[in-house]
Amino acid sequence: MLDKSQNNDTYVSPLASRYSSYAMKALFSDNHKYKTWRKIWILLAESQQALGLPITNEQIKQLKLFSEDIDIASADRYETIFQHDVMAHIHAYGDQAPLAKPIIHLGATSCLITDNADLLIVQQALYMLKTKLIVLIKQLAKLAKKYQYTGCLSYTHFQAAQPTTFGKRTTLWLQDFLIDLEDLVYRLNTLKLLGIKGATGTQASFLDLFDQDHSKVQALEQIMLKKLGFKAYSVTGQTYTRKQDIHLLDLLSGIAASAHKFATDFRLLTHLGVINEPSKPNQVGSSAMPYKRNPILSERICSLSRFIISLSENPKYTLSVQWLERSLDDSANRRLTISEAFLSTDAVLDLLINITDNPLIYTKKIEQQLTSELPFLLTEKILMESVKKGRDRQVVHEAIRKHSLKITQEIKSGKSHSNLLFEYLGDDNDIPFSNNELIDLSNTANLVGCAPQQVEIFLKEANSKLIEFQSSDKRVATKKEKQEDELCQK
């Protein structure tokens, strides 16, 4: 849905105006970022006070009073002067909280604020994606169960292959997203902050603040980390290692790849006429062709997914050119790459949830397609059953091959409008079955192998995984985060 609140006179990212959810956009907004900066400044001051630095309760109280009251206009004016966003916000915060102004950002460097804040926001974003992935997985599991025994034609090379079930096909999509969820949970559990490291990672400024008391420097970091519920890297330069950004973007591009695979399959099945996306009553498929009903949501998923996958290259370039303890050419790139990747992945998951909630699956059409190909699909079974009756495998194989090629040519040239393979084989003395006996062999339930049982086994495994991933969530969600999770589930 278009965001009409945007100014039409300036460019606005389509991710913000058309695709991503309000909750994810709010998470990566400037307002939320600056509130997170202030949260870290407050925690730093509280931790320093606890270790004996001369910071008063009144100063901390004033910092908290304005923790969410961001004067953006004031900060913008300061940034025009200083050409430095963190310094601009230190001054703007200090103007609002004059008592605390002398102790804001004490001993810190900009990356202590920005890197740690970025990761706090990333953590929230990962939880949001986790919630949506779980919704998607549950919906796919429901479809797999519903169509567990529904026979359908499988494809290799997009050529007719063997019978399977639509439920089994659904588990292939489901399995990819379950792997993505496993990767996401791992990244959540291993996400590390920069911590309290100083200008080049040596913690020298904090050592000076505590009169060369190493134990207090270490205690300061541990107090901060405990308050934030994180671990930190033991060694860093000025920033946390950008290797972590590679892992994060690889995770998102992995979700995108799974999404692209699903959406491509959905588009192919739409072309075959066996499935359609849910659509609005007045939805227009084409301005020129009124009869069209295009798989626009699946196409959008593919489009956004390719964008996400392309973004995954950026962190690799960024890590590779981080000179020694730090180079600033990561900054602008990360501002774009990380936020856009999360917003895109959020949009893709919303689209996936929409499609899998109530897709239109035409079981009669699925049955017709399977039936039309059944004589060919049964040839391997005919071969095996013929050998059981004592016939020479090679002789039977040649007979089946000869008749298959003949009927294929007749159908393609228009000489025949139905598949007469069973009739041809039934009249061949090298085949020990009559036409009627061959028809009896073609019961779909006997041709799908272990597909229904595989669905049953896999869904049990998937459910166990979901329970494990949900119970491993040690986070104590805030009231606001619970509301956001509920919004995601809706």
Protein backbone atom coordinates (compact mmCIF):
# COMPACT_ATOMS: atom_id res chain seq x y z
CA MET A 1 0.00 0.00 0.00
CA LEU A 2 1.32 3.44 -0.90
CA ASP A 3 2.35 5.70 1.96
CA LYS A 4 0.58 8.95 1.10
CA SER A 5 2.26 10.78 3.98
CA GLN A 6 5.49 11.04 1.99
CA ASN A 7 6.41 14.24 0.19
CA ASN A 8 5.86 13.65 -3.53
CA ASP A 9 8.43 16.28 -4.49
CA THR A 10 11.44 14.25 -3.32
CA TYR A 11 12.61 10.70 -3.89
CA VAL A 12 11.49 8.15 -1.32
CA SER A 13 12.77 4.58 -1.31
CA PRO A 14 10.06 2.23 -2.63
CA LEU A 15 10.88 -0.04 0.29
CA ALA A 16 9.56 2.66 2.60
CA SER A 17 6.66 3.83 0.46
CA ARG A 18 5.39 0.54 -0.99
CA TYR A 19 6.82 -2.67 0.42
CA SER A 20 8.14 -2.95 3.97
CA SER A 21 5.93 -3.07 7.06
CA TYR A 22 5.40 -0.09 9.34
CA ALA A 23 6.98 -1.95 12.25
CA MET A 24 10.23 -2.65 10.37
CA LYS A 25 10.39 0.89 8.98
CA ALA A 26 9.93 2.26 12.49
CA LEU A 27 12.75 0.04 13.73
CA PHE A 28 15.22 1.47 11.20
CA SER A 29 13.95 5.02 11.48
CA ASP A 30 16.20 7.89 12.56
CA ASN A 31 13.96 8.47 15.56
CA HIS A 32 14.42 4.91 16.87
CA LYS A 33 18.16 5.01 16.15
CA TYR A 34 18.65 8.21 18.14
CA LYS A 35 16.57 6.85 21.02
CA THR A 36 18.85 3.80 21.03
CA TRP A 37 21.90 6.08 21.11
CA ARG A 38 20.47 7.79 24.19
CA LYS A 39 19.74 4.44 25.79
CA ILE A 40 23.44 3.56 25.47
CA TRP A 41 24.56 6.96 26.80
CA ILE A 42 22.36 6.46 29.85
CA LEU A 43 23.60 2.92 30.47
CA LEU A 44 27.20 4.12 30.09
CA ALA A 45 26.65 6.87 32.65
CA GLU A 46 24.92 4.52 35.09
CA SER A 47 27.71 1.94 34.78
CA GLN A 48 30.40 4.57 35.27
CA GLN A 49 28.59 5.92 38.33
CA ALA A 50 28.36 2.39 39.78
CA LEU A 51 32.15 2.11 39.50
CA GLY A 52 32.78 5.37 41.35
CA LEU A 53 33.02 8.08 38.70
CA PRO A 54 31.59 11.45 39.84
CA ILE A 55 28.22 11.20 38.11
CA THR A 56 25.18 12.25 40.13
CA ASN A 57 21.69 10.77 40.32
CA GLU A 58 20.32 14.13 39.16
CA GLN A 59 22.40 13.98 35.99
CA ILE A 60 21.18 10.46 35.17
CA LYS A 61 17.62 11.42 36.02
CA GLN A 62 17.79 14.32 33.55
CA LEU A 63 19.24 12.05 30.85
CA LYS A 64 16.33 9.66 31.34
CA LEU A 65 13.82 12.51 31.28
CA PHE A 66 14.76 13.29 27.70
CA SER A 67 15.65 9.75 26.57
CA GLU A 68 12.86 9.64 23.98
CA ASP A 69 12.36 13.34 23.34
CA ILE A 70 14.64 13.81 20.33
CA ASP A 71 15.03 17.36 19.06
CA ILE A 72 15.85 16.45 15.46
CA ALA A 73 15.88 20.07 14.28
CA SER A 74 18.46 21.02 16.90
CA ALA A 75 20.64 18.02 16.04
CA ASP A 76 20.43 18.89 12.34
CA ARG A 77 21.61 22.44 13.06
CA TYR A 78 24.57 21.13 15.04
CA GLU A 79 25.44 18.63 12.30
CA THR A 80 25.57 21.49 9.79
CA ILE A 81 28.21 23.06 12.02
CA PHE A 82 30.20 19.97 13.07
CA GLN A 83 29.66 17.71 10.04
CA HIS A 84 29.49 14.86 12.56
CA ASP A 85 26.21 13.19 13.47
CA VAL A 86 27.20 11.81 16.89
CA MET A 87 28.70 15.09 18.06
CA ALA A 88 25.58 16.88 16.84
CA HIS A 89 23.37 14.65 18.98
CA ILE A 90 25.64 14.95 22.01
CA HIS A 91 25.16 18.71 21.88
CA ALA A 92 21.42 18.49 21.20
CA TYR A 93 21.02 16.08 24.14
CA GLY A 94 23.16 18.32 26.33
CA ASP A 95 20.97 21.33 25.54
CA GLN A 96 17.93 19.40 26.75
CA ALA A 97 19.71 17.96 29.80
CA PRO A 98 22.17 20.72 30.85
CA LEU A 99 22.98 19.10 34.21
CA ALA A 100 24.18 15.98 32.42
CA LYS A 101 25.94 17.73 29.56
CA PRO A 102 29.45 17.43 31.08
CA ILE A 103 29.22 13.62 31.42
CA ILE A 104 27.46 12.60 28.20
CA HIS A 105 29.71 10.30 26.09
CA LEU A 106 32.39 10.25 28.81
CA GLY A 107 35.42 8.29 27.58
CA ALA A 108 33.53 7.05 24.55
CA THR A 109 34.18 7.19 20.83
CA SER A 110 31.41 7.47 18.25
CA CYS A 111 31.47 3.81 17.32
CA LEU A 112 30.79 2.81 20.92
CA ILE A 113 27.41 4.45 20.42
CA THR A 114 26.71 3.72 16.75
CA ASP A 115 28.02 0.15 16.48
CA ASN A 116 26.37 -1.04 19.66
CA ALA A 117 23.12 0.73 18.72
CA ASP A 118 23.18 -0.78 15.24
CA LEU A 119 23.38 -4.25 16.72
CA LEU A 120 20.61 -3.62 19.24
CA ILE A 121 18.40 -2.62 16.31
CA VAL A 122 19.56 -5.62 14.26
CA GLN A 123 18.63 -7.90 17.15
CA GLN A 124 15.11 -6.45 17.24
CA ALA A 125 14.86 -6.81 13.47
CA LEU A 126 15.95 -10.46 13.64
CA TYR A 127 13.28 -11.18 16.24
CA MET A 128 10.71 -9.57 13.96
CA LEU A 129 11.83 -11.72 11.02
CA LYS A 130 11.86 -14.78 13.24
CA THR A 131 8.22 -14.22 14.15
CA LYS A 132 7.27 -13.91 10.49
CA LEU A 133 9.31 -16.95 9.45
CA ILE A 134 7.50 -19.03 12.05
CA VAL A 135 4.11 -17.83 10.75
CA LEU A 136 5.18 -18.75 7.20
CA ILE A 137 6.45 -22.17 8.25
CA LYS A 138 3.22 -22.96 10.11
CA GLN A 139 1.14 -21.99 7.07
CA LEU A 140 3.25 -24.15 4.75
CA ALA A 141 3.00 -27.04 7.22
CA LYS A 142 -0.78 -26.69 7.17
CA LEU A 143 -0.78 -26.86 3.35
CA ALA A 144 1.55 -29.87 3.36
CA LYS A 145 -0.77 -31.71 5.74
CA LYS A 146 -3.89 -30.78 3.76
CA TYR A 147 -2.46 -32.07 0.47
CA GLN A 148 -0.42 -34.93 1.92
CA TYR A 149 -2.20 -37.53 -0.23
CA THR A 150 -3.08 -35.34 -3.25
CA GLY A 151 -1.25 -36.92 -6.17
CA CYS A 152 0.35 -34.54 -8.65
CA LEU A 153 2.84 -34.57 -11.47
CA SER A 154 6.44 -33.86 -10.47
CA TYR A 155 8.95 -32.23 -12.80
CA THR A 156 12.66 -32.47 -13.42
CA HIS A 157 14.09 -29.93 -15.89
CA PHE A 158 10.46 -28.71 -15.98
CA GLN A 159 9.65 -31.88 -17.92
CA ALA A 160 7.09 -34.36 -16.63
CA ALA A 161 8.78 -36.80 -14.26
CA GLN A 162 7.08 -39.13 -11.74
CA PRO A 163 3.96 -38.77 -9.59
CA THR A 164 4.42 -37.19 -6.19
CA THR A 165 1.96 -35.44 -3.87
CA PHE A 166 1.31 -31.75 -3.59
CA GLY A 167 1.95 -32.04 0.15
CA LYS A 168 5.39 -33.53 -0.51
CA ARG A 169 6.22 -30.68 -2.90
CA THR A 170 5.18 -28.20 -0.20
CA THR A 171 7.60 -29.80 2.29
CA LEU A 172 10.48 -28.99 -0.08
CA TRP A 173 9.66 -25.28 0.26
CA LEU A 174 9.04 -25.69 3.97
CA GLN A 175 12.39 -27.40 4.52
CA ASP A 176 14.33 -24.47 3.02
CA PHE A 177 12.57 -21.96 5.27
CA LEU A 178 13.11 -24.19 8.29
CA ILE A 179 16.85 -24.17 7.54
CA ASP A 180 16.67 -20.37 7.30
CA LEU A 181 14.96 -20.22 10.69
CA GLU A 182 17.67 -22.43 12.18
CA ASP A 183 20.33 -20.09 10.77
CA LEU A 184 18.46 -17.06 12.09
CA VAL A 185 18.20 -18.48 15.60
CA TYR A 186 21.92 -19.27 15.52
CA ARG A 187 22.77 -15.70 14.49
CA LEU A 188 20.53 -14.33 17.21
CA ASN A 189 22.21 -16.48 19.84
CA THR A 190 25.73 -15.58 18.68
CA LEU A 191 25.25 -11.87 17.94
CA LYS A 192 27.99 -9.86 19.68
CA LEU A 193 28.32 -6.18 20.47
CA LEU A 194 31.37 -4.00 20.07
CA GLY A 195 31.29 -3.41 23.82
CA ILE A 196 33.34 -0.69 25.53
CA LYS A 197 36.56 -0.53 23.52
CA GLY A 198 37.54 3.09 22.86
CA ALA A 199 38.98 4.89 19.85
CA THR A 200 41.24 2.08 18.58
CA GLY A 201 39.99 -0.85 20.64
CA THR A 202 42.56 -0.54 23.45
CA GLN A 203 40.15 0.92 26.07
CA ALA A 204 42.85 3.52 26.85
CA SER A 205 40.37 6.33 27.56
CA PHE A 206 38.52 4.25 30.13
CA LEU A 207 41.77 3.14 31.72
CA ASP A 208 42.59 6.82 32.21
CA LEU A 209 39.17 7.51 33.70
CA PHE A 210 39.71 4.77 36.27
CA ASP A 211 43.29 5.76 37.12
CA GLN A 212 44.90 2.78 35.41
CA ASP A 213 42.66 0.26 37.21
CA HIS A 214 42.27 -2.51 34.63
CA SER A 215 39.72 -4.36 36.73
CA LYS A 216 37.33 -1.41 36.65
CA VAL A 217 37.63 -1.12 32.87
CA GLN A 218 36.68 -4.76 32.54
CA ALA A 219 33.90 -4.34 35.09
CA LEU A 220 32.52 -1.35 33.15
CA GLU A 221 32.14 -3.46 30.02
CA GLN A 222 30.60 -6.37 31.90
CA ILE A 223 28.06 -4.13 33.65
CA MET A 224 27.05 -2.61 30.32
CA LEU A 225 26.79 -5.98 28.62
CA LYS A 226 24.70 -7.41 31.45
CA LYS A 227 22.32 -4.46 31.22
CA LEU A 228 22.00 -5.01 27.46
CA GLY A 229 21.83 -8.81 27.64
CA PHE A 230 24.71 -9.37 25.21
CA LYS A 231 28.24 -10.68 24.89
CA ALA A 232 30.94 -8.61 23.19
CA TYR A 233 33.97 -9.32 21.05
CA SER A 234 37.09 -9.74 23.15
CA VAL A 235 39.22 -7.80 20.72
CA THR A 236 38.27 -5.11 18.23
CA GLY A 237 39.62 -2.10 16.44
CA GLN A 238 37.46 0.98 16.60
CA THR A 239 34.49 -1.06 15.30
CA TYR A 240 33.23 -4.57 15.77
CA THR A 241 34.56 -6.84 13.04
CA ARG A 242 32.59 -6.33 9.85
CA LYS A 243 32.74 -10.11 9.44
CA GLN A 244 29.57 -10.14 11.51
CA ASP A 245 27.78 -8.04 8.87
CA ILE A 246 28.73 -10.68 6.29
CA HIS A 247 27.05 -13.34 8.41
CA LEU A 248 23.93 -11.21 8.84
CA LEU A 249 23.56 -10.41 5.14
CA ASP A 250 24.28 -14.02 4.19
CA LEU A 251 21.42 -15.01 6.47
CA LEU A 252 19.04 -12.54 4.80
CA SER A 253 20.16 -13.53 1.31
CA GLY A 254 19.58 -17.17 2.28
CA ILE A 255 15.98 -16.34 3.17
CA ALA A 256 15.72 -14.45 -0.11
CA ALA A 257 17.02 -17.44 -2.08
CA SER A 258 14.43 -19.71 -0.46
CA ALA A 259 11.75 -17.15 -1.20
CA HIS A 260 12.84 -16.81 -4.83
CA LYS A 261 12.76 -20.59 -5.25
CA PHE A 262 9.26 -20.79 -3.80
CA ALA A 263 7.96 -17.86 -5.84
CA THR A 264 9.48 -19.20 -9.08
CA ASP A 265 7.84 -22.58 -8.48
CA PHE A 266 4.57 -20.81 -7.75
CA ARG A 267 4.81 -18.88 -11.03
CA LEU A 268 5.47 -22.10 -12.97
CA LEU A 269 2.51 -23.81 -11.32
CA THR A 270 0.37 -20.77 -12.09
CA HIS A 271 1.32 -21.12 -15.74
CA LEU A 272 0.27 -24.78 -15.59
CA GLY A 273 -3.09 -23.65 -14.23
CA VAL A 274 -3.00 -25.64 -11.00
CA ILE A 275 -2.65 -22.77 -8.53
CA ASN A 276 -3.37 -19.07 -8.14
CA GLU A 277 -2.44 -16.38 -5.65
CA PRO A 278 -5.20 -14.99 -3.45
CA SER A 279 -6.43 -11.76 -5.02
CA LYS A 280 -8.76 -8.84 -4.36
CA PRO A 281 -12.18 -8.79 -6.10
CA ASN A 282 -11.33 -5.69 -8.14
CA GLN A 283 -7.68 -6.50 -8.77
CA VAL A 284 -6.58 -5.70 -12.34
CA GLY A 285 -4.16 -8.09 -14.03
CA SER A 286 -3.39 -6.01 -17.11
CA SER A 287 -4.40 -2.61 -18.45
CA ALA A 288 -4.54 -4.05 -21.99
CA MET A 289 -5.68 -7.65 -21.40
CA PRO A 290 -8.70 -7.70 -19.05
CA TYR A 291 -8.73 -11.51 -18.76
CA LYS A 292 -5.22 -11.66 -17.26
CA ARG A 293 -4.60 -12.78 -13.70
CA ASN A 294 -0.88 -12.53 -13.19
CA PRO A 295 1.12 -13.93 -10.23
CA ILE A 296 2.15 -10.42 -9.20
CA LEU A 297 2.98 -11.25 -5.59
CA SER A 298 5.30 -14.08 -6.59
CA GLU A 299 6.92 -11.86 -9.19
CA ARG A 300 7.43 -9.17 -6.57
CA ILE A 301 9.02 -11.72 -4.25
CA CYS A 302 11.49 -12.69 -7.00
CA SER A 303 12.25 -9.05 -7.72
CA LEU A 304 12.93 -8.10 -4.09
CA SER A 305 14.79 -11.34 -3.41
CA ARG A 306 17.27 -10.67 -6.19
CA PHE A 307 17.87 -7.24 -4.66
CA ILE A 308 18.57 -8.79 -1.24
CA ILE A 309 20.93 -11.37 -2.71
CA SER A 310 22.84 -8.62 -4.52
CA LEU A 311 23.21 -6.67 -1.26
CA SER A 312 24.98 -9.62 0.36
CA GLU A 313 28.14 -8.77 -1.59
CA ASN A 314 28.56 -5.37 0.08
CA PRO A 315 29.69 -6.51 3.56
CA LYS A 316 32.38 -8.67 1.97
CA TYR A 317 33.79 -5.66 0.16
CA THR A 318 33.50 -3.59 3.34
CA LEU A 319 35.40 -6.07 5.51
CA SER A 320 38.13 -6.48 2.93
CA VAL A 321 38.99 -2.75 2.85
CA GLN A 322 38.86 -1.93 6.56
CA TRP A 323 42.38 -0.56 6.97
CA LEU A 324 44.13 -1.60 10.16
CA GLU A 325 42.05 -0.47 13.18
CA ARG A 326 39.37 1.32 11.14
CA SER A 327 38.44 3.05 7.91
CA LEU A 328 35.35 5.21 7.51
CA ASP A 329 34.41 3.97 4.05
CA ASP A 330 32.17 1.40 5.71
CA SER A 331 29.79 4.03 7.08
CA ALA A 332 27.66 5.18 4.14
CA ASN A 333 27.61 1.68 2.69
CA ARG A 334 26.36 0.09 5.92
CA ARG A 335 23.66 2.77 6.37
CA LEU A 336 22.22 1.67 3.03
CA THR A 337 22.97 -2.03 2.91
CA ILE A 338 21.89 -3.26 6.34
CA SER A 339 18.65 -1.30 6.59
CA GLU A 340 17.61 -1.97 2.98
CA ALA A 341 18.34 -5.69 3.35
CA PHE A 342 16.19 -5.98 6.47
CA LEU A 343 13.36 -3.90 4.98
CA SER A 344 13.42 -6.01 1.81
CA THR A 345 13.45 -9.30 3.70
CA ASP A 346 10.58 -8.07 5.84
CA ALA A 347 8.59 -7.23 2.69
CA VAL A 348 9.34 -10.62 1.15
CA LEU A 349 8.17 -12.48 4.25
CA ASP A 350 4.95 -10.46 4.33
CA LEU A 351 4.31 -11.41 0.71
CA LEU A 352 5.04 -15.07 1.43
CA ILE A 353 2.66 -15.06 4.38
CA ASN A 354 0.00 -13.49 2.17
CA ILE A 355 0.37 -16.08 -0.59
CA THR A 356 0.54 -19.16 1.64
CA ASP A 357 -2.37 -18.14 3.83
CA ASN A 358 -5.04 -19.12 1.31
CA PRO A 359 -3.70 -20.04 -2.15
CA LEU A 360 -6.21 -21.26 -4.72
CA ILE A 361 -5.23 -24.86 -5.51
CA TYR A 362 -7.19 -26.58 -8.27
CA THR A 363 -7.09 -30.27 -7.43
CA LYS A 364 -9.17 -31.29 -10.49
CA LYS A 365 -6.65 -29.63 -12.79
CA ILE A 366 -3.81 -31.31 -10.91
CA GLU A 367 -5.55 -34.67 -11.39
CA GLN A 368 -6.10 -34.05 -15.11
CA GLN A 369 -2.44 -33.23 -15.71
CA LEU A 370 -1.32 -36.32 -13.84
CA THR A 371 -3.77 -38.54 -15.70
CA SER A 372 -2.70 -37.21 -19.10
CA GLU A 373 0.91 -38.20 -18.40
CA LEU A 374 0.23 -41.42 -16.50
CA PRO A 375 0.85 -43.89 -19.36
CA PHE A 376 4.39 -42.58 -19.75
CA LEU A 377 4.95 -42.32 -16.00
CA LEU A 378 3.92 -45.94 -15.58
CA THR A 379 6.52 -47.34 -17.96
CA GLU A 380 9.10 -48.03 -15.25
CA LYS A 381 6.51 -49.89 -13.20
CA ILE A 382 5.45 -51.88 -16.30
CA LEU A 383 9.09 -52.77 -16.88
CA MET A 384 9.53 -54.02 -13.31
CA GLU A 385 6.27 -55.99 -13.28
CA SER A 386 7.10 -57.57 -16.64
CA VAL A 387 10.42 -58.85 -15.32
CA LYS A 388 8.58 -60.31 -12.33
CA LYS A 389 6.54 -62.31 -14.84
CA GLY A 390 9.71 -63.73 -16.36
CA ARG A 391 10.14 -61.44 -19.35
CA ASP A 392 13.51 -60.18 -20.63
CA ARG A 393 14.07 -56.66 -19.32
CA GLN A 394 15.86 -55.46 -22.45
CA VAL A 395 13.18 -56.75 -24.79
CA VAL A 396 10.41 -55.12 -22.73
CA HIS A 397 12.40 -51.89 -22.50
CA GLU A 398 12.75 -51.72 -26.30
CA ALA A 399 9.05 -52.37 -26.82
CA ILE A 400 8.07 -49.61 -24.38
CA ARG A 401 10.59 -47.19 -25.92
CA LYS A 402 9.33 -47.84 -29.45
CA HIS A 403 5.65 -47.37 -28.61
CA SER A 404 6.34 -44.33 -26.39
CA LEU A 405 8.17 -42.48 -29.16
CA LYS A 406 5.41 -43.36 -31.64
CA ILE A 407 2.54 -42.08 -29.51
CA THR A 408 4.50 -38.96 -28.56
CA GLN A 409 4.98 -38.13 -32.22
CA GLU A 410 1.31 -38.77 -32.96
CA ILE A 411 0.18 -36.46 -30.15
CA LYS A 412 2.57 -33.66 -31.10
CA SER A 413 1.68 -33.86 -34.80
CA GLY A 414 -2.04 -33.84 -34.05
CA LYS A 415 -2.74 -37.34 -35.38
CA SER A 416 -3.94 -38.40 -31.93
CA HIS A 417 -5.68 -36.34 -29.25
CA SER A 418 -5.28 -38.86 -26.42
CA ASN A 419 -2.51 -41.00 -25.03
CA LEU A 420 -3.02 -44.50 -26.51
CA LEU A 421 0.18 -45.99 -25.07
CA PHE A 422 -1.68 -48.57 -22.96
CA GLU A 423 -3.55 -49.78 -26.05
CA TYR A 424 -0.34 -50.11 -28.05
CA LEU A 425 1.43 -51.96 -25.22
CA GLY A 426 -1.59 -54.18 -24.56
CA ASP A 427 -1.50 -55.36 -28.17
CA ASP A 428 2.26 -56.09 -28.06
CA ASN A 429 3.15 -59.75 -27.37
CA ASP A 430 6.37 -58.69 -25.62
CA ILE A 431 4.31 -57.00 -22.89
CA PRO A 432 2.62 -59.50 -20.51
CA PHE A 433 -0.35 -57.21 -19.70
CA SER A 434 -3.59 -56.34 -21.41
CA ASN A 435 -4.85 -52.77 -21.81
CA ASN A 436 -7.23 -53.19 -18.86
CA GLU A 437 -4.51 -54.70 -16.67
CA LEU A 438 -2.27 -51.72 -17.45
CA ILE A 439 -5.06 -49.34 -16.47
CA ASP A 440 -5.40 -51.20 -13.15
CA LEU A 441 -1.68 -50.69 -12.54
CA SER A 442 -2.10 -46.92 -12.91
CA ASN A 443 -3.78 -46.27 -9.56
CA THR A 444 -2.17 -42.98 -8.46
CA ALA A 445 -2.02 -44.04 -4.81
CA ASN A 446 0.39 -46.80 -5.80
CA LEU A 447 2.63 -44.51 -7.82
CA VAL A 448 3.64 -41.75 -5.37
CA GLY A 449 6.09 -43.92 -3.48
CA CYS A 450 6.61 -42.95 0.16
CA ALA A 451 5.64 -39.31 -0.41
CA PRO A 452 2.68 -39.27 2.05
CA GLN A 453 4.75 -40.99 4.73
CA GLN A 454 7.64 -38.60 4.13
CA VAL A 455 5.28 -35.68 4.69
CA GLU A 456 4.13 -37.19 7.97
CA ILE A 457 7.67 -37.78 9.22
CA PHE A 458 8.92 -34.37 8.11
CA LEU A 459 6.05 -32.43 9.67
CA LYS A 460 6.76 -34.11 13.02
CA GLU A 461 10.42 -33.09 12.71
CA ALA A 462 9.45 -29.55 11.70
CA ASN A 463 7.10 -29.20 14.66
CA SER A 464 9.82 -30.37 17.05
CA LYS A 465 12.19 -27.81 15.55
CA LEU A 466 9.66 -25.02 15.98
CA ILE A 467 9.13 -25.94 19.62
CA GLU A 468 12.89 -26.01 20.14
CA PHE A 469 13.45 -22.63 18.48
CA GLN A 470 10.62 -20.98 20.35
CA SER A 471 11.67 -22.36 23.73
CA SER A 472 15.30 -21.32 23.14
CA ASP A 473 14.24 -17.67 23.00
CA LYS A 474 15.64 -16.31 26.28
CA ARG A 475 14.72 -12.73 25.49
CA VAL A 476 12.31 -10.98 27.80
CA ALA A 477 10.29 -8.97 25.30
CA THR A 478 9.16 -5.49 26.19
CA LYS A 479 5.50 -4.55 25.96
CA LYS A 480 6.22 -2.71 22.70
CA GLU A 481 8.06 -5.71 21.22
CA LYS A 482 5.17 -8.01 22.15
CA GLN A 483 2.80 -5.67 20.34
CA GLU A 484 5.10 -5.74 17.30
CA ASP A 485 5.20 -9.55 17.38
CA GLU A 486 1.41 -9.67 17.53
CA LEU A 487 1.30 -7.28 14.57
CA CYS A 488 3.64 -9.55 12.62
CA GLN A 489 1.47 -12.60 13.33
CA LYS A 490 -1.62 -10.75 12.09
